[in-house]
């Protein structure tokens, strides 16, 4: 599960980098009328993007892990049926049980 989360987080980080580019590959911050980005922004941008990517990765992968664990406890079944049952009986928040432990 950790490998899948790391892979997804990497993909999300790549998407954030691509979204900050103009169609011709130039950064949106490199327009002639804009001032050069400050040193603080340049230094902190990778950390901010990494935090956003990790948050997105955990937000998507935690429900998958919760459904997987409940299927293992139940001894099998359909992941879709399990997720529907969880949401119907306990609400959407049941998919994020244990999120604070990560």
PDB file of N, CA and C in Angstrom:
ATOM      1  N   UNK A   1       0.832  -1.190   0.000  1.00  0.00           N
ATOM      2  CA  UNK A   1       0.000   0.000   0.000  1.00  0.00           C
ATOM      3  C   UNK A   1       0.871   1.246   0.000  1.00  0.00           C
ATOM      4  N   UNK A   2       1.976   1.208   0.715  1.00  0.00           N
ATOM      5  CA  UNK A   2       2.855   2.372   0.788  1.00  0.00           C
ATOM      6  C   UNK A   2       3.472   2.660  -0.583  1.00  0.00           C
ATOM      7  N   UNK A   3       3.826   1.590  -1.320  1.00  0.00           N
ATOM      8  CA  UNK A   3       4.393   1.774  -2.654  1.00  0.00           C
ATOM      9  C   UNK A   3       3.376   2.401  -3.587  1.00  0.00           C
ATOM     10  N   UNK A   4       2.126   1.964  -3.497  1.00  0.00           N
ATOM     11  CA  UNK A   4       1.073   2.542  -4.341  1.00  0.00           C
ATOM     12  C   UNK A   4       0.862   4.005  -3.997  1.00  0.00           C
ATOM     13  N   UNK A   5       0.915   4.338  -2.709  1.00  0.00           N
ATOM     14  CA  UNK A   5       0.740   5.730  -2.301  1.00  0.00           C
ATOM     15  C   UNK A   5       1.895   6.581  -2.802  1.00  0.00           C
ATOM     16  N   UNK A   6       3.115   6.056  -2.720  1.00  0.00           N
ATOM     17  CA  UNK A   6       4.281   6.804  -3.194  1.00  0.00           C
ATOM     18  C   UNK A   6       4.193   7.005  -4.698  1.00  0.00           C
ATOM     19  N   UNK A   7       3.766   5.985  -5.424  1.00  0.00           N
ATOM     20  CA  UNK A   7       3.631   6.087  -6.869  1.00  0.00           C
ATOM     21  C   UNK A   7       2.579   7.130  -7.234  1.00  0.00           C
ATOM     22  N   UNK A   8       1.433   7.086  -6.548  1.00  0.00           N
ATOM     23  CA  UNK A   8       0.368   8.049  -6.830  1.00  0.00           C
ATOM     24  C   UNK A   8       0.813   9.451  -6.472  1.00  0.00           C
ATOM     25  N   UNK A   9       1.521   9.599  -5.365  1.00  0.00           N
ATOM     26  CA  UNK A   9       1.997  10.918  -4.955  1.00  0.00           C
ATOM     27  C   UNK A   9       2.974  11.468  -5.984  1.00  0.00           C
ATOM     28  N   UNK A  10       3.820  10.611  -6.530  1.00  0.00           N
ATOM     29  CA  UNK A  10       4.747  11.043  -7.574  1.00  0.00           C
ATOM     30  C   UNK A  10       4.019  11.494  -8.821  1.00  0.00           C
ATOM     31  N   UNK A  11       2.980  10.770  -9.194  1.00  0.00           N
ATOM     32  CA  UNK A  11       2.193  11.142 -10.362  1.00  0.00           C
ATOM     33  C   UNK A  11       1.483  12.473 -10.128  1.00  0.00           C
ATOM     34  N   UNK A  12       0.951  12.669  -8.929  1.00  0.00           N
ATOM     35  CA  UNK A  12       0.273  13.925  -8.608  1.00  0.00           C
ATOM     36  C   UNK A  12       1.259  15.082  -8.641  1.00  0.00           C
ATOM     37  N   UNK A  13       2.470  14.860  -8.149  1.00  0.00           N
ATOM     38  CA  UNK A  13       3.489  15.906  -8.169  1.00  0.00           C
ATOM     39  C   UNK A  13       3.852  16.259  -9.603  1.00  0.00           C
ATOM     40  N   UNK A  14       3.960  15.258 -10.472  1.00  0.00           N
ATOM     41  CA  UNK A  14       4.259  15.516 -11.884  1.00  0.00           C
ATOM     42  C   UNK A  14       3.136  16.332 -12.524  1.00  0.00           C
ATOM     43  N   UNK A  15       1.888  16.022 -12.168  1.00  0.00           N
ATOM     44  CA  UNK A  15       0.756  16.785 -12.706  1.00  0.00           C
ATOM     45  C   UNK A  15       0.805  18.236 -12.235  1.00  0.00           C
ATOM     46  N   UNK A  16       1.151  18.452 -10.968  1.00  0.00           N
ATOM     47  CA  UNK A  16       1.259  19.820 -10.471  1.00  0.00           C
ATOM     48  C   UNK A  16       2.330  20.583 -11.237  1.00  0.00           C
ATOM     49  N   UNK A  17       3.444  19.918 -11.553  1.00  0.00           N
ATOM     50  CA  UNK A  17       4.511  20.567 -12.304  1.00  0.00           C
ATOM     51  C   UNK A  17       4.046  20.894 -13.720  1.00  0.00           C
ATOM     52  N   UNK A  18       3.352  19.973 -14.357  1.00  0.00           N
ATOM     53  CA  UNK A  18       2.871  20.193 -15.725  1.00  0.00           C
ATOM     54  C   UNK A  18       1.863  21.332 -15.747  1.00  0.00           C
ATOM     55  N   UNK A  19       0.973  21.393 -14.751  1.00  0.00           N
ATOM     56  CA  UNK A  19      -0.048  22.441 -14.704  1.00  0.00           C
ATOM     57  C   UNK A  19       0.554  23.825 -14.527  1.00  0.00           C
ATOM     58  N   UNK A  20       1.771  23.899 -14.001  1.00  0.00           N
ATOM     59  CA  UNK A  20       2.394  25.208 -13.804  1.00  0.00           C
ATOM     60  C   UNK A  20       3.134  25.658 -15.061  1.00  0.00           C
ATOM     61  N   UNK A  21       3.029  24.905 -16.141  1.00  0.00           N
ATOM     62  CA  UNK A  21       3.705  25.235 -17.389  1.00  0.00           C
ATOM     63  C   UNK A  21       2.709  25.789 -18.405  1.00  0.00           C
ATOM     64  N   UNK A  22       3.184  26.677 -19.249  1.00  0.00           N
ATOM     65  CA  UNK A  22       2.388  27.150 -20.371  1.00  0.00           C
ATOM     66  C   UNK A  22       2.456  26.115 -21.484  1.00  0.00           C
ATOM     67  N   UNK A  23       1.600  26.209 -22.506  1.00  0.00           N
ATOM     68  CA  UNK A  23       1.595  25.213 -23.570  1.00  0.00           C
ATOM     69  C   UNK A  23       2.943  25.026 -24.266  1.00  0.00           C
ATOM     70  N   UNK A  24       3.778  26.042 -24.307  1.00  0.00           N
ATOM     71  CA  UNK A  24       5.061  25.933 -25.000  1.00  0.00           C
ATOM     72  C   UNK A  24       6.190  25.546 -24.059  1.00  0.00           C
ATOM     73  N   UNK A  25       5.868  25.073 -22.862  1.00  0.00           N
ATOM     74  CA  UNK A  25       6.880  24.603 -21.932  1.00  0.00           C
ATOM     75  C   UNK A  25       7.487  25.675 -21.058  1.00  0.00           C
ATOM     76  N   UNK A  26       7.052  26.915 -21.219  1.00  0.00           N
ATOM     77  CA  UNK A  26       7.581  27.975 -20.374  1.00  0.00           C
ATOM     78  C   UNK A  26       6.781  28.041 -19.085  1.00  0.00           C
ATOM     79  N   UNK A  27       7.453  28.369 -18.020  1.00  0.00           N
ATOM     80  CA  UNK A  27       6.765  28.514 -16.742  1.00  0.00           C
ATOM     81  C   UNK A  27       5.826  29.700 -16.805  1.00  0.00           C
ATOM     82  N   UNK A  28       4.700  29.600 -16.127  1.00  0.00           N
ATOM     83  CA  UNK A  28       3.737  30.702 -16.112  1.00  0.00           C
ATOM     84  C   UNK A  28       4.303  31.913 -15.390  1.00  0.00           C
ATOM     85  N   UNK A  29       5.357  31.721 -14.628  1.00  0.00           N
ATOM     86  CA  UNK A  29       5.939  32.838 -13.882  1.00  0.00           C
ATOM     87  C   UNK A  29       7.038  33.528 -14.675  1.00  0.00           C
ATOM     88  N   UNK A  30       7.333  33.076 -15.914  1.00  0.00           N
ATOM     89  CA  UNK A  30       8.440  33.647 -16.666  1.00  0.00           C
ATOM     90  C   UNK A  30       7.979  34.633 -17.737  1.00  0.00           C
ATOM     91  N   UNK A  31       6.816  35.226 -17.567  1.00  0.00           N
ATOM     92  CA  UNK A  31       6.360  36.215 -18.536  1.00  0.00           C
ATOM     93  C   UNK A  31       7.207  37.464 -18.404  1.00  0.00           C
ATOM     94  N   UNK A  32       7.427  38.190 -19.505  1.00  0.00           N
ATOM     95  CA  UNK A  32       8.313  39.363 -19.451  1.00  0.00           C
ATOM     96  C   UNK A  32       7.851  40.445 -18.489  1.00  0.00           C
ATOM     97  N   UNK A  33       6.528  40.584 -18.277  1.00  0.00           N
ATOM     98  CA  UNK A  33       6.048  41.646 -17.401  1.00  0.00           C
ATOM     99  C   UNK A  33       6.105  41.255 -15.925  1.00  0.00           C
ATOM    100  N   UNK A  34       6.214  39.989 -15.635  1.00  0.00           N
ATOM    101  CA  UNK A  34       6.245  39.537 -14.246  1.00  0.00           C
ATOM    102  C   UNK A  34       7.655  39.679 -13.687  1.00  0.00           C
ATOM    103  N   UNK A  35       7.723  39.917 -12.396  1.00  0.00           N
ATOM    104  CA  UNK A  35       9.027  39.968 -11.755  1.00  0.00           C
ATOM    105  C   UNK A  35       9.508  38.556 -11.502  1.00  0.00           C
ATOM    106  N   UNK A  36      10.770  38.401 -11.315  1.00  0.00           N
ATOM    107  CA  UNK A  36      11.349  37.083 -11.047  1.00  0.00           C
ATOM    108  C   UNK A  36      10.827  36.585  -9.704  1.00  0.00           C
ATOM    109  N   UNK A  37      10.566  35.280  -9.590  1.00  0.00           N
ATOM    110  CA  UNK A  37      10.079  34.753  -8.314  1.00  0.00           C
ATOM    111  C   UNK A  37      11.126  34.940  -7.220  1.00  0.00           C
ATOM    112  N   UNK A  38      10.640  35.181  -6.013  1.00  0.00           N
ATOM    113  CA  UNK A  38      11.569  35.401  -4.911  1.00  0.00           C
ATOM    114  C   UNK A  38      12.272  34.101  -4.541  1.00  0.00           C
ATOM    115  N   UNK A  39      13.386  34.235  -3.870  1.00  0.00           N
ATOM    116  CA  UNK A  39      14.156  33.074  -3.456  1.00  0.00           C
ATOM    117  C   UNK A  39      13.394  32.180  -2.500  1.00  0.00           C
ATOM    118  N   UNK A  40      12.534  32.787  -1.680  1.00  0.00           N
ATOM    119  CA  UNK A  40      11.738  32.000  -0.738  1.00  0.00           C
ATOM    120  C   UNK A  40      10.770  31.105  -1.491  1.00  0.00           C
ATOM    121  N   UNK A  41      10.098  31.654  -2.517  1.00  0.00           N
ATOM    122  CA  UNK A  41       9.149  30.846  -3.293  1.00  0.00           C
ATOM    123  C   UNK A  41       9.868  29.739  -4.042  1.00  0.00           C
ATOM    124  N   UNK A  42      10.984  30.044  -4.653  1.00  0.00           N
ATOM    125  CA  UNK A  42      11.729  29.036  -5.403  1.00  0.00           C
ATOM    126  C   UNK A  42      12.179  27.915  -4.467  1.00  0.00           C
ATOM    127  N   UNK A  43      12.608  28.272  -3.261  1.00  0.00           N
ATOM    128  CA  UNK A  43      13.081  27.262  -2.318  1.00  0.00           C
ATOM    129  C   UNK A  43      11.941  26.450  -1.717  1.00  0.00           C
ATOM    130  N   UNK A  44      10.783  27.071  -1.503  1.00  0.00           N
ATOM    131  CA  UNK A  44       9.693  26.359  -0.831  1.00  0.00           C
ATOM    132  C   UNK A  44       8.747  25.646  -1.788  1.00  0.00           C
ATOM    133  N   UNK A  45       8.784  25.965  -3.074  1.00  0.00           N
ATOM    134  CA  UNK A  45       7.853  25.376  -4.043  1.00  0.00           C
ATOM    135  C   UNK A  45       7.905  23.847  -4.062  1.00  0.00           C
ATOM    136  N   UNK A  46       9.095  23.217  -4.063  1.00  0.00           N
ATOM    137  CA  UNK A  46       9.102  21.746  -4.050  1.00  0.00           C
ATOM    138  C   UNK A  46       8.449  21.157  -2.801  1.00  0.00           C
ATOM    139  N   UNK A  47       8.613  21.801  -1.666  1.00  0.00           N
ATOM    140  CA  UNK A  47       8.013  21.305  -0.428  1.00  0.00           C
ATOM    141  C   UNK A  47       6.495  21.470  -0.447  1.00  0.00           C
ATOM    142  N   UNK A  48       6.030  22.585  -0.959  1.00  0.00           N
ATOM    143  CA  UNK A  48       4.581  22.810  -1.056  1.00  0.00           C
ATOM    144  C   UNK A  48       3.965  21.820  -2.029  1.00  0.00           C
ATOM    145  N   UNK A  49       4.592  21.658  -3.201  1.00  0.00           N
ATOM    146  CA  UNK A  49       4.082  20.694  -4.176  1.00  0.00           C
ATOM    147  C   UNK A  49       4.130  19.269  -3.635  1.00  0.00           C
ATOM    148  N   UNK A  50       5.185  18.936  -2.910  1.00  0.00           N
ATOM    149  CA  UNK A  50       5.287  17.600  -2.313  1.00  0.00           C
ATOM    150  C   UNK A  50       4.202  17.356  -1.279  1.00  0.00           C
ATOM    151  N   UNK A  51       3.920  18.371  -0.461  1.00  0.00           N
ATOM    152  CA  UNK A  51       2.855  18.241   0.532  1.00  0.00           C
ATOM    153  C   UNK A  51       1.489  18.087  -0.108  1.00  0.00           C
ATOM    154  N   UNK A  52       1.237  18.855  -1.170  1.00  0.00           N
ATOM    155  CA  UNK A  52      -0.036  18.738  -1.875  1.00  0.00           C
ATOM    156  C   UNK A  52      -0.172  17.369  -2.541  1.00  0.00           C
ATOM    157  N   UNK A  53       0.913  16.897  -3.142  1.00  0.00           N
ATOM    158  CA  UNK A  53       0.879  15.591  -3.800  1.00  0.00           C
ATOM    159  C   UNK A  53       0.656  14.475  -2.780  1.00  0.00           C
ATOM    160  N   UNK A  54       1.312  14.555  -1.637  1.00  0.00           N
ATOM    161  CA  UNK A  54       1.140  13.531  -0.600  1.00  0.00           C
ATOM    162  C   UNK A  54      -0.287  13.555  -0.051  1.00  0.00           C
ATOM    163  N   UNK A  55      -0.826  14.741   0.152  1.00  0.00           N
ATOM    164  CA  UNK A  55      -2.205  14.861   0.651  1.00  0.00           C
ATOM    165  C   UNK A  55      -3.197  14.267  -0.338  1.00  0.00           C
ATOM    166  N   UNK A  56      -2.989  14.553  -1.602  1.00  0.00           N
ATOM    167  CA  UNK A  56      -3.859  14.004  -2.637  1.00  0.00           C
ATOM    168  C   UNK A  56      -3.725  12.486  -2.706  1.00  0.00           C
ATOM    169  N   UNK A  57      -2.493  12.001  -2.619  1.00  0.00           N
ATOM    170  CA  UNK A  57      -2.265  10.553  -2.665  1.00  0.00           C
ATOM    171  C   UNK A  57      -2.930   9.827  -1.510  1.00  0.00           C
ATOM    172  N   UNK A  58      -2.791  10.343  -0.306  1.00  0.00           N
ATOM    173  CA  UNK A  58      -3.409   9.719   0.862  1.00  0.00           C
ATOM    174  C   UNK A  58      -4.927   9.801   0.775  1.00  0.00           C
ATOM    175  N   UNK A  59      -5.445  10.940   0.305  1.00  0.00           N
ATOM    176  CA  UNK A  59      -6.899  11.111   0.204  1.00  0.00           C
ATOM    177  C   UNK A  59      -7.534  10.113  -0.756  1.00  0.00           C
ATOM    178  N   UNK A  60      -6.802   9.722  -1.771  1.00  0.00           N
ATOM    179  CA  UNK A  60      -7.329   8.766  -2.747  1.00  0.00           C
ATOM    180  C   UNK A  60      -7.072   7.325  -2.308  1.00  0.00           C
ATOM    181  N   UNK A  61      -5.897   7.065  -1.735  1.00  0.00           N
ATOM    182  CA  UNK A  61      -5.525   5.689  -1.423  1.00  0.00           C
ATOM    183  C   UNK A  61      -6.103   5.178  -0.108  1.00  0.00           C
ATOM    184  N   UNK A  62      -6.402   6.047   0.852  1.00  0.00           N
ATOM    185  CA  UNK A  62      -6.937   5.587   2.132  1.00  0.00           C
ATOM    186  C   UNK A  62      -8.250   4.829   1.975  1.00  0.00           C
ATOM    187  N   UNK A  63      -9.217   5.314   1.185  1.00  0.00           N
ATOM    188  CA  UNK A  63     -10.448   4.530   1.003  1.00  0.00           C
ATOM    189  C   UNK A  63     -10.184   3.155   0.387  1.00  0.00           C
ATOM    190  N   UNK A  64      -9.227   3.078  -0.519  1.00  0.00           N
ATOM    191  CA  UNK A  64      -8.884   1.790  -1.128  1.00  0.00           C
ATOM    192  C   UNK A  64      -8.347   0.837  -0.055  1.00  0.00           C
ATOM    193  N   UNK A  65      -7.466   1.338   0.812  1.00  0.00           N
ATOM    194  CA  UNK A  65      -6.920   0.503   1.883  1.00  0.00           C
ATOM    195  C   UNK A  65      -7.992   0.072   2.876  1.00  0.00           C
ATOM    196  N   UNK A  66      -8.922   0.970   3.210  1.00  0.00           N
ATOM    197  CA  UNK A  66      -9.988   0.634   4.156  1.00  0.00           C
ATOM    198  C   UNK A  66     -10.884  -0.463   3.579  1.00  0.00           C
ATOM    199  N   UNK A  67     -11.260  -0.320   2.307  1.00  0.00           N
ATOM    200  CA  UNK A  67     -12.106  -1.335   1.666  1.00  0.00           C
ATOM    201  C   UNK A  67     -11.351  -2.666   1.592  1.00  0.00           C
ATOM    202  N   UNK A  68     -10.059  -2.621   1.252  1.00  0.00           N
ATOM    203  CA  UNK A  68      -9.247  -3.841   1.178  1.00  0.00           C
ATOM    204  C   UNK A  68      -9.191  -4.552   2.531  1.00  0.00           C
ATOM    205  N   UNK A  69      -8.988  -3.785   3.584  1.00  0.00           N
ATOM    206  CA  UNK A  69      -8.913  -4.376   4.924  1.00  0.00           C
ATOM    207  C   UNK A  69     -10.245  -4.998   5.325  1.00  0.00           C
ATOM    208  N   UNK A  70     -11.336  -4.309   5.044  1.00  0.00           N
ATOM    209  CA  UNK A  70     -12.653  -4.862   5.392  1.00  0.00           C
ATOM    210  C   UNK A  70     -12.963  -6.115   4.585  1.00  0.00           C
ATOM    211  N   UNK A  71     -12.509  -6.164   3.330  1.00  0.00           N
ATOM    212  CA  UNK A  71     -12.697  -7.377   2.521  1.00  0.00           C
ATOM    213  C   UNK A  71     -11.894  -8.538   3.101  1.00  0.00           C
ATOM    214  N   UNK A  72     -10.690  -8.260   3.569  1.00  0.00           N
ATOM    215  CA  UNK A  72      -9.876  -9.312   4.170  1.00  0.00           C
ATOM    216  C   UNK A  72     -10.527  -9.835   5.447  1.00  0.00           C
ATOM    217  N   UNK A  73     -11.068  -8.939   6.248  1.00  0.00           N
ATOM    218  CA  UNK A  73     -11.741  -9.358   7.480  1.00  0.00           C
ATOM    219  C   UNK A  73     -12.991 -10.167   7.168  1.00  0.00           C
ATOM    220  N   UNK A  74     -13.737  -9.759   6.129  1.00  0.00           N
ATOM    221  CA  UNK A  74     -14.973 -10.454   5.754  1.00  0.00           C
ATOM    222  C   UNK A  74     -14.704 -11.771   5.040  1.00  0.00           C
ATOM    223  N   UNK A  75     -13.482 -11.987   4.588  1.00  0.00           N
ATOM    224  CA  UNK A  75     -13.152 -13.232   3.905  1.00  0.00           C
ATOM    225  C   UNK A  75     -13.394 -13.202   2.407  1.00  0.00           C
ATOM    226  N   UNK A  76     -13.532 -12.024   1.834  1.00  0.00           N
ATOM    227  CA  UNK A  76     -13.688 -11.901   0.390  1.00  0.00           C
ATOM    228  C   UNK A  76     -14.937 -11.129   0.021  1.00  0.00           C
ATOM    229  N   UNK A  77     -15.159 -11.034  -1.277  1.00  0.00           N
ATOM    230  CA  UNK A  77     -16.322 -10.318  -1.788  1.00  0.00           C
ATOM    231  C   UNK A  77     -15.910  -9.288  -2.814  1.00  0.00           C
ATOM    232  N   UNK A  78     -16.859  -8.492  -3.226  1.00  0.00           N
ATOM    233  CA  UNK A  78     -16.629  -7.469  -4.231  1.00  0.00           C
ATOM    234  C   UNK A  78     -16.223  -6.145  -3.569  1.00  0.00           C
ATOM    235  N   UNK A  79     -15.135  -5.542  -4.025  1.00  0.00           N
ATOM    236  CA  UNK A  79     -14.740  -4.245  -3.458  1.00  0.00           C
ATOM    237  C   UNK A  79     -15.801  -3.159  -3.658  1.00  0.00           C
ATOM    238  N   UNK A  80     -16.454  -3.182  -4.814  1.00  0.00           N
ATOM    239  CA  UNK A  80     -17.489  -2.176  -5.090  1.00  0.00           C
ATOM    240  C   UNK A  80     -18.677  -2.361  -4.142  1.00  0.00           C
ATOM    241  N   UNK A  81     -19.081  -3.614  -3.967  1.00  0.00           N
ATOM    242  CA  UNK A  81     -20.203  -3.897  -3.066  1.00  0.00           C
ATOM    243  C   UNK A  81     -19.850  -3.517  -1.632  1.00  0.00           C
ATOM    244  N   UNK A  82     -18.617  -3.785  -1.223  1.00  0.00           N
ATOM    245  CA  UNK A  82     -18.181  -3.434   0.130  1.00  0.00           C
ATOM    246  C   UNK A  82     -18.190  -1.916   0.312  1.00  0.00           C
ATOM    247  N   UNK A  83     -17.673  -1.171  -0.658  1.00  0.00           N
ATOM    248  CA  UNK A  83     -17.641   0.288  -0.555  1.00  0.00           C
ATOM    249  C   UNK A  83     -19.059   0.852  -0.510  1.00  0.00           C
ATOM    250  N   UNK A  84     -19.950   0.322  -1.342  1.00  0.00           N
ATOM    251  CA  UNK A  84     -21.340   0.788  -1.333  1.00  0.00           C
ATOM    252  C   UNK A  84     -22.001   0.515   0.016  1.00  0.00           C
ATOM    253  N   UNK A  85     -21.753  -0.671   0.546  1.00  0.00           N
ATOM    254  CA  UNK A  85     -22.330  -1.044   1.836  1.00  0.00           C
ATOM    255  C   UNK A  85     -21.821  -0.120   2.948  1.00  0.00           C
ATOM    256  N   UNK A  86     -20.520   0.162   2.923  1.00  0.00           N
ATOM    257  CA  UNK A  86     -19.935   1.038   3.938  1.00  0.00           C
ATOM    258  C   UNK A  86     -20.540   2.436   3.873  1.00  0.00           C
ATOM    259  N   UNK A  87     -20.665   2.974   2.661  1.00  0.00           N
ATOM    260  CA  UNK A  87     -21.207   4.324   2.500  1.00  0.00           C
ATOM    261  C   UNK A  87     -22.680   4.350   2.886  1.00  0.00           C
ATOM    262  N   UNK A  88     -23.434   3.309   2.517  1.00  0.00           N
ATOM    263  CA  UNK A  88     -24.869   3.270   2.830  1.00  0.00           C
ATOM    264  C   UNK A  88     -25.109   3.159   4.335  1.00  0.00           C
ATOM    265  N   UNK A  89     -24.306   2.354   5.026  1.00  0.00           N
ATOM    266  CA  UNK A  89     -24.532   2.106   6.446  1.00  0.00           C
ATOM    267  C   UNK A  89     -23.880   3.146   7.353  1.00  0.00           C
ATOM    268  N   UNK A  90     -22.687   3.616   6.983  1.00  0.00           N
ATOM    269  CA  UNK A  90     -21.926   4.468   7.894  1.00  0.00           C
ATOM    270  C   UNK A  90     -21.586   5.843   7.332  1.00  0.00           C
ATOM    271  N   UNK A  91     -21.893   6.082   6.065  1.00  0.00           N
ATOM    272  CA  UNK A  91     -21.579   7.367   5.456  1.00  0.00           C
ATOM    273  C   UNK A  91     -20.205   7.371   4.800  1.00  0.00           C
ATOM    274  N   UNK A  92     -19.923   8.434   4.085  1.00  0.00           N
ATOM    275  CA  UNK A  92     -18.670   8.554   3.343  1.00  0.00           C
ATOM    276  C   UNK A  92     -17.468   8.582   4.287  1.00  0.00           C
ATOM    277  N   UNK A  93     -17.660   9.101   5.482  1.00  0.00           N
ATOM    278  CA  UNK A  93     -16.540   9.182   6.432  1.00  0.00           C
ATOM    279  C   UNK A  93     -16.001   7.803   6.807  1.00  0.00           C
ATOM    280  N   UNK A  94     -16.791   6.746   6.602  1.00  0.00           N
ATOM    281  CA  UNK A  94     -16.298   5.400   6.911  1.00  0.00           C
ATOM    282  C   UNK A  94     -15.144   5.002   6.005  1.00  0.00           C
ATOM    283  N   UNK A  95     -15.020   5.625   4.845  1.00  0.00           N
ATOM    284  CA  UNK A  95     -13.913   5.330   3.940  1.00  0.00           C
ATOM    285  C   UNK A  95     -12.602   5.960   4.409  1.00  0.00           C
ATOM    286  N   UNK A  96     -12.689   6.892   5.338  1.00  0.00           N
ATOM    287  CA  UNK A  96     -11.499   7.587   5.821  1.00  0.00           C
ATOM    288  C   UNK A  96     -11.169   7.255   7.265  1.00  0.00           C
ATOM    289  N   UNK A  97     -11.699   6.134   7.766  1.00  0.00           N
ATOM    290  CA  UNK A  97     -11.364   5.692   9.122  1.00  0.00           C
ATOM    291  C   UNK A  97      -9.871   5.380   9.176  1.00  0.00           C
ATOM    292  N   UNK A  98      -9.201   5.881  10.189  1.00  0.00           N
ATOM    293  CA  UNK A  98      -7.782   5.623  10.332  1.00  0.00           C
ATOM    294  C   UNK A  98      -6.893   6.605   9.592  1.00  0.00           C
ATOM    295  N   UNK A  99      -7.456   7.595   8.968  1.00  0.00           N
ATOM    296  CA  UNK A  99      -6.664   8.554   8.209  1.00  0.00           C
ATOM    297  C   UNK A  99      -5.695   9.321   9.103  1.00  0.00           C
ATOM    298  N   UNK A 100      -6.116   9.633  10.310  1.00  0.00           N
ATOM    299  CA  UNK A 100      -5.228  10.404  11.199  1.00  0.00           C
ATOM    300  C   UNK A 100      -4.040   9.595  11.667  1.00  0.00           C
ATOM    301  N   UNK A 101      -4.118   8.274  11.596  1.00  0.00           N
ATOM    302  CA  UNK A 101      -2.991   7.440  12.017  1.00  0.00           C
ATOM    303  C   UNK A 101      -1.859   7.448  11.003  1.00  0.00           C
ATOM    304  N   UNK A 102      -2.149   7.839   9.776  1.00  0.00           N
ATOM    305  CA  UNK A 102      -1.098   7.855   8.757  1.00  0.00           C
ATOM    306  C   UNK A 102      -0.383   9.144   8.866  1.00  0.00           C
TER     307      UNK A 102
END
